[in-house]
Amino acid sequence: MGFDEFKPFLPLIIFGNIENLVLSSQGVIAGVNPLILAGLSLMFVIFWLLLGTLGTKVAIKYADLIEFIGGFAIFVLGLQAMLGALGIL
């Protein structure tokens, strides 16, 4: 398989991994068990892979809306993690 065949999945993989990193950082700040955190992180990565593989053809007409909502969710979760780390939340 060439790179051109993976291009449609690239945004889902990037946003899925960024969201996974944000959730992992929140788990570390909260003091979650690292083994549970690793298992949940793996579960989310597999979920994003399946979503990207199976759902792209269905969701492609809503790509702009999905990208906006995902980006906004990442922004809110990142802000929440930073405020939580500072003790504001």
PDB file of N, CA and C in Angstrom:
ATOM      1  N   MET A   1       0.837  -1.181   0.000  1.00  0.00           N
ATOM      2  CA  MET A   1       0.000   0.000   0.000  1.00  0.00           C
ATOM      3  C   MET A   1       0.880   1.241   0.000  1.00  0.00           C
ATOM      4  N   GLY A   2       0.542   2.180  -0.840  1.00  0.00           N
ATOM      5  CA  GLY A   2       1.293   3.416  -0.915  1.00  0.00           C
ATOM      6  C   GLY A   2       0.747   4.463   0.029  1.00  0.00           C
ATOM      7  N   PHE A   3       1.473   5.569   0.112  1.00  0.00           N
ATOM      8  CA  PHE A   3       1.071   6.653   1.003  1.00  0.00           C
ATOM      9  C   PHE A   3      -0.258   7.260   0.585  1.00  0.00           C
ATOM     10  N   ASP A   4      -0.533   7.293  -0.715  1.00  0.00           N
ATOM     11  CA  ASP A   4      -1.784   7.877  -1.203  1.00  0.00           C
ATOM     12  C   ASP A   4      -3.017   7.161  -0.665  1.00  0.00           C
ATOM     13  N   GLU A   5      -2.882   5.881  -0.386  1.00  0.00           N
ATOM     14  CA  GLU A   5      -4.013   5.131   0.148  1.00  0.00           C
ATOM     15  C   GLU A   5      -4.284   5.461   1.611  1.00  0.00           C
ATOM     16  N   PHE A   6      -3.275   5.986   2.326  1.00  0.00           N
ATOM     17  CA  PHE A   6      -3.437   6.323   3.747  1.00  0.00           C
ATOM     18  C   PHE A   6      -3.801   7.787   3.962  1.00  0.00           C
ATOM     19  N   LYS A   7      -3.725   8.622   2.934  1.00  0.00           N
ATOM     20  CA  LYS A   7      -4.001  10.053   3.085  1.00  0.00           C
ATOM     21  C   LYS A   7      -5.351  10.357   3.720  1.00  0.00           C
ATOM     22  N   PRO A   8      -6.448   9.681   3.327  1.00  0.00           N
ATOM     23  CA  PRO A   8      -7.735  10.008   3.950  1.00  0.00           C
ATOM     24  C   PRO A   8      -7.767   9.736   5.457  1.00  0.00           C
ATOM     25  N   PHE A   9      -6.908   8.829   5.931  1.00  0.00           N
ATOM     26  CA  PHE A   9      -6.930   8.457   7.346  1.00  0.00           C
ATOM     27  C   PHE A   9      -5.989   9.299   8.203  1.00  0.00           C
ATOM     28  N   LEU A  10      -5.134  10.076   7.572  1.00  0.00           N
ATOM     29  CA  LEU A  10      -4.115  10.826   8.297  1.00  0.00           C
ATOM     30  C   LEU A  10      -4.697  11.783   9.342  1.00  0.00           C
ATOM     31  N   PRO A  11      -5.713  12.607   9.024  1.00  0.00           N
ATOM     32  CA  PRO A  11      -6.266  13.484  10.069  1.00  0.00           C
ATOM     33  C   PRO A  11      -6.830  12.720  11.261  1.00  0.00           C
ATOM     34  N   LEU A  12      -7.498  11.597  11.012  1.00  0.00           N
ATOM     35  CA  LEU A  12      -8.049  10.824  12.128  1.00  0.00           C
ATOM     36  C   LEU A  12      -6.946  10.249  13.008  1.00  0.00           C
ATOM     37  N   ILE A  13      -5.870   9.784  12.381  1.00  0.00           N
ATOM     38  CA  ILE A  13      -4.760   9.233  13.151  1.00  0.00           C
ATOM     39  C   ILE A  13      -4.094  10.337  13.975  1.00  0.00           C
ATOM     40  N   ILE A  14      -3.874  11.513  13.363  1.00  0.00           N
ATOM     41  CA  ILE A  14      -3.221  12.617  14.072  1.00  0.00           C
ATOM     42  C   ILE A  14      -4.085  13.090  15.228  1.00  0.00           C
ATOM     43  N   PHE A  15      -5.373  13.378  14.962  1.00  0.00           N
ATOM     44  CA  PHE A  15      -6.234  13.864  16.034  1.00  0.00           C
ATOM     45  C   PHE A  15      -6.459  12.798  17.088  1.00  0.00           C
ATOM     46  N   GLY A  16      -6.551  11.532  16.702  1.00  0.00           N
ATOM     47  CA  GLY A  16      -6.712  10.449  17.674  1.00  0.00           C
ATOM     48  C   GLY A  16      -5.526  10.356  18.607  1.00  0.00           C
ATOM     49  N   ASN A  17      -4.327  10.492  18.063  1.00  0.00           N
ATOM     50  CA  ASN A  17      -3.133  10.411  18.896  1.00  0.00           C
ATOM     51  C   ASN A  17      -2.977  11.641  19.772  1.00  0.00           C
ATOM     52  N   ILE A  18      -3.330  12.822  19.260  1.00  0.00           N
ATOM     53  CA  ILE A  18      -3.250  14.034  20.081  1.00  0.00           C
ATOM     54  C   ILE A  18      -4.239  13.933  21.242  1.00  0.00           C
ATOM     55  N   GLU A  19      -5.449  13.491  20.946  1.00  0.00           N
ATOM     56  CA  GLU A  19      -6.444  13.354  22.011  1.00  0.00           C
ATOM     57  C   GLU A  19      -5.986  12.321  23.033  1.00  0.00           C
ATOM     58  N   ASN A  20      -5.382  11.242  22.576  1.00  0.00           N
ATOM     59  CA  ASN A  20      -4.868  10.219  23.471  1.00  0.00           C
ATOM     60  C   ASN A  20      -3.779  10.795  24.379  1.00  0.00           C
ATOM     61  N   LEU A  21      -2.911  11.620  23.832  1.00  0.00           N
ATOM     62  CA  LEU A  21      -1.867  12.248  24.646  1.00  0.00           C
ATOM     63  C   LEU A  21      -2.459  13.185  25.698  1.00  0.00           C
ATOM     64  N   VAL A  22      -3.493  13.945  25.320  1.00  0.00           N
ATOM     65  CA  VAL A  22      -4.136  14.845  26.273  1.00  0.00           C
ATOM     66  C   VAL A  22      -4.774  14.047  27.400  1.00  0.00           C
ATOM     67  N   LEU A  23      -5.490  12.976  27.049  1.00  0.00           N
ATOM     68  CA  LEU A  23      -6.130  12.150  28.077  1.00  0.00           C
ATOM     69  C   LEU A  23      -5.093  11.483  28.976  1.00  0.00           C
ATOM     70  N   SER A  24      -3.975  11.051  28.392  1.00  0.00           N
ATOM     71  CA  SER A  24      -2.917  10.426  29.191  1.00  0.00           C
ATOM     72  C   SER A  24      -2.302  11.418  30.161  1.00  0.00           C
ATOM     73  N   SER A  25      -2.090  12.653  29.701  1.00  0.00           N
ATOM     74  CA  SER A  25      -1.504  13.654  30.597  1.00  0.00           C
ATOM     75  C   SER A  25      -2.458  13.968  31.745  1.00  0.00           C
ATOM     76  N   GLN A  26      -3.754  13.975  31.461  1.00  0.00           N
ATOM     77  CA  GLN A  26      -4.716  14.191  32.541  1.00  0.00           C
ATOM     78  C   GLN A  26      -4.677  13.036  33.534  1.00  0.00           C
ATOM     79  N   GLY A  27      -4.507  11.818  33.043  1.00  0.00           N
ATOM     80  CA  GLY A  27      -4.425  10.663  33.928  1.00  0.00           C
ATOM     81  C   GLY A  27      -3.196  10.701  34.802  1.00  0.00           C
ATOM     82  N   VAL A  28      -2.063  11.137  34.260  1.00  0.00           N
ATOM     83  CA  VAL A  28      -0.832  11.242  35.051  1.00  0.00           C
ATOM     84  C   VAL A  28      -1.000  12.295  36.136  1.00  0.00           C
ATOM     85  N   ILE A  29      -1.591  13.426  35.785  1.00  0.00           N
ATOM     86  CA  ILE A  29      -1.806  14.501  36.765  1.00  0.00           C
ATOM     87  C   ILE A  29      -2.730  14.021  37.879  1.00  0.00           C
ATOM     88  N   ALA A  30      -3.741  13.220  37.512  1.00  0.00           N
ATOM     89  CA  ALA A  30      -4.699  12.726  38.505  1.00  0.00           C
ATOM     90  C   ALA A  30      -4.148  11.565  39.328  1.00  0.00           C
ATOM     91  N   GLY A  31      -2.986  11.026  38.957  1.00  0.00           N
ATOM     92  CA  GLY A  31      -2.386   9.930  39.715  1.00  0.00           C
ATOM     93  C   GLY A  31      -3.015   8.576  39.442  1.00  0.00           C
ATOM     94  N   VAL A  32      -3.452   8.348  38.216  1.00  0.00           N
ATOM     95  CA  VAL A  32      -4.084   7.076  37.839  1.00  0.00           C
ATOM     96  C   VAL A  32      -3.015   5.984  37.758  1.00  0.00           C
ATOM     97  N   ASN A  33      -3.411   4.763  38.035  1.00  0.00           N
ATOM     98  CA  ASN A  33      -2.520   3.607  37.920  1.00  0.00           C
ATOM     99  C   ASN A  33      -1.972   3.547  36.486  1.00  0.00           C
ATOM    100  N   PRO A  34      -0.639   3.513  36.296  1.00  0.00           N
ATOM    101  CA  PRO A  34      -0.066   3.532  34.953  1.00  0.00           C
ATOM    102  C   PRO A  34      -0.474   2.342  34.080  1.00  0.00           C
ATOM    103  N   LEU A  35      -0.696   1.178  34.676  1.00  0.00           N
ATOM    104  CA  LEU A  35      -1.113   0.020  33.887  1.00  0.00           C
ATOM    105  C   LEU A  35      -2.535   0.193  33.350  1.00  0.00           C
ATOM    106  N   ILE A  36      -3.407   0.724  34.184  1.00  0.00           N
ATOM    107  CA  ILE A  36      -4.775   1.001  33.730  1.00  0.00           C
ATOM    108  C   ILE A  36      -4.748   2.086  32.661  1.00  0.00           C
ATOM    109  N   LEU A  37      -3.944   3.106  32.881  1.00  0.00           N
ATOM    110  CA  LEU A  37      -3.820   4.197  31.910  1.00  0.00           C
ATOM    111  C   LEU A  37      -3.283   3.677  30.579  1.00  0.00           C
ATOM    112  N   ALA A  38      -2.293   2.796  30.613  1.00  0.00           N
ATOM    113  CA  ALA A  38      -1.742   2.221  29.382  1.00  0.00           C
ATOM    114  C   ALA A  38      -2.797   1.387  28.655  1.00  0.00           C
ATOM    115  N   GLY A  39      -3.559   0.601  29.397  1.00  0.00           N
ATOM    116  CA  GLY A  39      -4.621  -0.209  28.783  1.00  0.00           C
ATOM    117  C   GLY A  39      -5.694   0.649  28.141  1.00  0.00           C
ATOM    118  N   LEU A  40      -6.115   1.688  28.842  1.00  0.00           N
ATOM    119  CA  LEU A  40      -7.120   2.583  28.281  1.00  0.00           C
ATOM    120  C   LEU A  40      -6.581   3.344  27.067  1.00  0.00           C
ATOM    121  N   SER A  41      -5.321   3.751  27.133  1.00  0.00           N
ATOM    122  CA  SER A  41      -4.713   4.439  25.995  1.00  0.00           C
ATOM    123  C   SER A  41      -4.678   3.529  24.777  1.00  0.00           C
ATOM    124  N   LEU A  42      -4.295   2.286  24.969  1.00  0.00           N
ATOM    125  CA  LEU A  42      -4.272   1.328  23.869  1.00  0.00           C
ATOM    126  C   LEU A  42      -5.670   1.112  23.311  1.00  0.00           C
ATOM    127  N   MET A  43      -6.643   1.043  24.192  1.00  0.00           N
ATOM    128  CA  MET A  43      -8.023   0.866  23.760  1.00  0.00           C
ATOM    129  C   MET A  43      -8.480   2.044  22.890  1.00  0.00           C
ATOM    130  N   PHE A  44      -8.117   3.273  23.285  1.00  0.00           N
ATOM    131  CA  PHE A  44      -8.498   4.442  22.504  1.00  0.00           C
ATOM    132  C   PHE A  44      -7.782   4.479  21.154  1.00  0.00           C
ATOM    133  N   VAL A  45      -6.518   4.082  21.112  1.00  0.00           N
ATOM    134  CA  VAL A  45      -5.789   4.048  19.841  1.00  0.00           C
ATOM    135  C   VAL A  45      -6.441   3.041  18.898  1.00  0.00           C
ATOM    136  N   ILE A  46      -6.811   1.880  19.395  1.00  0.00           N
ATOM    137  CA  ILE A  46      -7.478   0.870  18.562  1.00  0.00           C
ATOM    138  C   ILE A  46      -8.835   1.384  18.095  1.00  0.00           C
ATOM    139  N   PHE A  47      -9.550   2.071  18.994  1.00  0.00           N
ATOM    140  CA  PHE A  47     -10.841   2.649  18.625  1.00  0.00           C
ATOM    141  C   PHE A  47     -10.672   3.652  17.485  1.00  0.00           C
ATOM    142  N   TRP A  48      -9.676   4.533  17.586  1.00  0.00           N
ATOM    143  CA  TRP A  48      -9.441   5.516  16.532  1.00  0.00           C
ATOM    144  C   TRP A  48      -9.054   4.841  15.230  1.00  0.00           C
ATOM    145  N   LEU A  49      -8.266   3.780  15.306  1.00  0.00           N
ATOM    146  CA  LEU A  49      -7.888   3.045  14.101  1.00  0.00           C
ATOM    147  C   LEU A  49      -9.124   2.452  13.429  1.00  0.00           C
ATOM    148  N   LEU A  50      -9.995   1.821  14.222  1.00  0.00           N
ATOM    149  CA  LEU A  50     -11.219   1.248  13.657  1.00  0.00           C
ATOM    150  C   LEU A  50     -12.138   2.326  13.105  1.00  0.00           C
ATOM    151  N   LEU A  51     -12.273   3.421  13.818  1.00  0.00           N
ATOM    152  CA  LEU A  51     -13.102   4.520  13.342  1.00  0.00           C
ATOM    153  C   LEU A  51     -12.568   5.071  12.031  1.00  0.00           C
ATOM    154  N   GLY A  52     -11.274   5.262  11.967  1.00  0.00           N
ATOM    155  CA  GLY A  52     -10.675   5.777  10.741  1.00  0.00           C
ATOM    156  C   GLY A  52     -10.788   4.809   9.588  1.00  0.00           C
ATOM    157  N   THR A  53     -10.637   3.530   9.869  1.00  0.00           N
ATOM    158  CA  THR A  53     -10.679   2.525   8.818  1.00  0.00           C
ATOM    159  C   THR A  53     -12.100   2.288   8.318  1.00  0.00           C
ATOM    160  N   LEU A  54     -13.030   2.152   9.234  1.00  0.00           N
ATOM    161  CA  LEU A  54     -14.392   1.776   8.859  1.00  0.00           C
ATOM    162  C   LEU A  54     -15.322   2.971   8.615  1.00  0.00           C
ATOM    163  N   GLY A  55     -15.048   4.087   9.272  1.00  0.00           N
ATOM    164  CA  GLY A  55     -15.999   5.183   9.215  1.00  0.00           C
ATOM    165  C   GLY A  55     -15.684   6.315   8.259  1.00  0.00           C
ATOM    166  N   THR A  56     -14.538   6.294   7.611  1.00  0.00           N
ATOM    167  CA  THR A  56     -14.153   7.418   6.776  1.00  0.00           C
ATOM    168  C   THR A  56     -15.094   7.610   5.593  1.00  0.00           C
ATOM    169  N   LYS A  57     -15.451   6.542   4.930  1.00  0.00           N
ATOM    170  CA  LYS A  57     -16.330   6.666   3.765  1.00  0.00           C
ATOM    171  C   LYS A  57     -17.693   7.231   4.146  1.00  0.00           C
ATOM    172  N   VAL A  58     -18.189   6.862   5.304  1.00  0.00           N
ATOM    173  CA  VAL A  58     -19.492   7.357   5.744  1.00  0.00           C
ATOM    174  C   VAL A  58     -19.389   8.817   6.196  1.00  0.00           C
ATOM    175  N   ALA A  59     -18.318   9.143   6.904  1.00  0.00           N
ATOM    176  CA  ALA A  59     -18.204  10.450   7.535  1.00  0.00           C
ATOM    177  C   ALA A  59     -17.536  11.516   6.672  1.00  0.00           C
ATOM    178  N   ILE A  60     -17.073  11.163   5.489  1.00  0.00           N
ATOM    179  CA  ILE A  60     -16.284  12.101   4.700  1.00  0.00           C
ATOM    180  C   ILE A  60     -17.081  13.364   4.353  1.00  0.00           C
ATOM    181  N   LYS A  61     -18.384  13.254   4.179  1.00  0.00           N
ATOM    182  CA  LYS A  61     -19.173  14.443   3.856  1.00  0.00           C
ATOM    183  C   LYS A  61     -19.308  15.389   5.052  1.00  0.00           C
ATOM    184  N   TYR A  62     -19.024  14.907   6.245  1.00  0.00           N
ATOM    185  CA  TYR A  62     -19.076  15.739   7.442  1.00  0.00           C
ATOM    186  C   TYR A  62     -17.673  16.062   7.968  1.00  0.00           C
ATOM    187  N   ALA A  63     -16.666  15.917   7.129  1.00  0.00           N
ATOM    188  CA  ALA A  63     -15.269  16.017   7.563  1.00  0.00           C
ATOM    189  C   ALA A  63     -14.949  17.363   8.218  1.00  0.00           C
ATOM    190  N   ASP A  64     -15.418  18.455   7.656  1.00  0.00           N
ATOM    191  CA  ASP A  64     -15.102  19.768   8.227  1.00  0.00           C
ATOM    192  C   ASP A  64     -15.703  19.930   9.622  1.00  0.00           C
ATOM    193  N   LEU A  65     -16.943  19.509   9.794  1.00  0.00           N
ATOM    194  CA  LEU A  65     -17.596  19.601  11.103  1.00  0.00           C
ATOM    195  C   LEU A  65     -16.907  18.694  12.130  1.00  0.00           C
ATOM    196  N   ILE A  66     -16.590  17.479  11.720  1.00  0.00           N
ATOM    197  CA  ILE A  66     -15.916  16.537  12.619  1.00  0.00           C
ATOM    198  C   ILE A  66     -14.555  17.072  13.037  1.00  0.00           C
ATOM    199  N   GLU A  67     -13.824  17.648  12.088  1.00  0.00           N
ATOM    200  CA  GLU A  67     -12.507  18.189  12.404  1.00  0.00           C
ATOM    201  C   GLU A  67     -12.613  19.359  13.380  1.00  0.00           C
ATOM    202  N   PHE A  68     -13.623  20.226  13.183  1.00  0.00           N
ATOM    203  CA  PHE A  68     -13.811  21.350  14.107  1.00  0.00           C
ATOM    204  C   PHE A  68     -14.153  20.866  15.508  1.00  0.00           C
ATOM    205  N   ILE A  69     -15.097  19.940  15.613  1.00  0.00           N
ATOM    206  CA  ILE A  69     -15.511  19.435  16.927  1.00  0.00           C
ATOM    207  C   ILE A  69     -14.341  18.738  17.625  1.00  0.00           C
ATOM    208  N   GLY A  70     -13.579  17.938  16.880  1.00  0.00           N
ATOM    209  CA  GLY A  70     -12.420  17.261  17.462  1.00  0.00           C
ATOM    210  C   GLY A  70     -11.364  18.241  17.937  1.00  0.00           C
ATOM    211  N   GLY A  71     -11.079  19.256  17.124  1.00  0.00           N
ATOM    212  CA  GLY A  71     -10.105  20.275  17.517  1.00  0.00           C
ATOM    213  C   GLY A  71     -10.561  21.054  18.739  1.00  0.00           C
ATOM    214  N   PHE A  72     -11.854  21.385  18.786  1.00  0.00           N
ATOM    215  CA  PHE A  72     -12.391  22.105  19.944  1.00  0.00           C
ATOM    216  C   PHE A  72     -12.318  21.243  21.201  1.00  0.00           C
ATOM    217  N   ALA A  73     -12.630  19.952  21.068  1.00  0.00           N
ATOM    218  CA  ALA A  73     -12.551  19.039  22.217  1.00  0.00           C
ATOM    219  C   ALA A  73     -11.115  18.934  22.726  1.00  0.00           C
ATOM    220  N   ILE A  74     -10.159  18.858  21.818  1.00  0.00           N
ATOM    221  CA  ILE A  74      -8.755  18.795  22.215  1.00  0.00           C
ATOM    222  C   ILE A  74      -8.353  20.077  22.939  1.00  0.00           C
ATOM    223  N   PHE A  75      -8.803  21.217  22.428  1.00  0.00           N
ATOM    224  CA  PHE A  75      -8.507  22.500  23.074  1.00  0.00           C
ATOM    225  C   PHE A  75      -9.077  22.538  24.489  1.00  0.00           C
ATOM    226  N   VAL A  76     -10.342  22.143  24.641  1.00  0.00           N
ATOM    227  CA  VAL A  76     -10.989  22.181  25.957  1.00  0.00           C
ATOM    228  C   VAL A  76     -10.312  21.210  26.925  1.00  0.00           C
ATOM    229  N   LEU A  77      -9.990  19.993  26.463  1.00  0.00           N
ATOM    230  CA  LEU A  77      -9.336  19.026  27.340  1.00  0.00           C
ATOM    231  C   LEU A  77      -7.929  19.487  27.733  1.00  0.00           C
ATOM    232  N   GLY A  78      -7.220  20.085  26.797  1.00  0.00           N
ATOM    233  CA  GLY A  78      -5.890  20.620  27.106  1.00  0.00           C
ATOM    234  C   GLY A  78      -5.966  21.749  28.115  1.00  0.00           C
ATOM    235  N   LEU A  79      -6.927  22.650  27.926  1.00  0.00           N
ATOM    236  CA  LEU A  79      -7.117  23.754  28.866  1.00  0.00           C
ATOM    237  C   LEU A  79      -7.491  23.224  30.247  1.00  0.00           C
ATOM    238  N   GLN A  80      -8.369  22.234  30.275  1.00  0.00           N
ATOM    239  CA  GLN A  80      -8.766  21.621  31.545  1.00  0.00           C
ATOM    240  C   GLN A  80      -7.566  20.986  32.238  1.00  0.00           C
ATOM    241  N   ALA A  81      -6.712  20.312  31.484  1.00  0.00           N
ATOM    242  CA  ALA A  81      -5.537  19.673  32.066  1.00  0.00           C
ATOM    243  C   ALA A  81      -4.566  20.716  32.624  1.00  0.00           C
ATOM    244  N   MET A  82      -4.370  21.814  31.911  1.00  0.00           N
ATOM    245  CA  MET A  82      -3.462  22.856  32.394  1.00  0.00           C
ATOM    246  C   MET A  82      -4.007  23.533  33.640  1.00  0.00           C
ATOM    247  N   LEU A  83      -5.305  23.846  33.630  1.00  0.00           N
ATOM    248  CA  LEU A  83      -5.903  24.476  34.812  1.00  0.00           C
ATOM    249  C   LEU A  83      -5.896  23.525  36.005  1.00  0.00           C
ATOM    250  N   GLY A  84      -6.111  22.239  35.738  1.00  0.00           N
ATOM    251  CA  GLY A  84      -6.055  21.253  36.814  1.00  0.00           C
ATOM    252  C   GLY A  84      -4.657  21.118  37.393  1.00  0.00           C
ATOM    253  N   ALA A  85      -3.640  21.206  36.528  1.00  0.00           N
ATOM    254  CA  ALA A  85      -2.266  21.106  36.988  1.00  0.00           C
ATOM    255  C   ALA A  85      -1.873  22.311  37.831  1.00  0.00           C
ATOM    256  N   LEU A  86      -2.466  23.460  37.525  1.00  0.00           N
ATOM    257  CA  LEU A  86      -2.199  24.668  38.294  1.00  0.00           C
ATOM    258  C   LEU A  86      -3.021  24.746  39.574  1.00  0.00           C
ATOM    259  N   GLY A  87      -3.960  23.829  39.750  1.00  0.00           N
ATOM    260  CA  GLY A  87      -4.793  23.808  40.949  1.00  0.00           C
ATOM    261  C   GLY A  87      -5.975  24.744  40.887  1.00  0.00           C
ATOM    262  N   ILE A  88      -6.304  25.237  39.679  1.00  0.00           N
ATOM    263  CA  ILE A  88      -7.429  26.166  39.540  1.00  0.00           C
ATOM    264  C   ILE A  88      -8.743  25.399  39.491  1.00  0.00           C
ATOM    265  N   LEU A  89      -8.725  24.211  38.909  1.00  0.00           N
ATOM    266  CA  LEU A  89      -9.961  23.397  38.838  1.00  0.00           C
ATOM    267  C   LEU A  89      -9.943  22.324  39.893  1.00  0.00           C
TER     268      LEU A  89
END
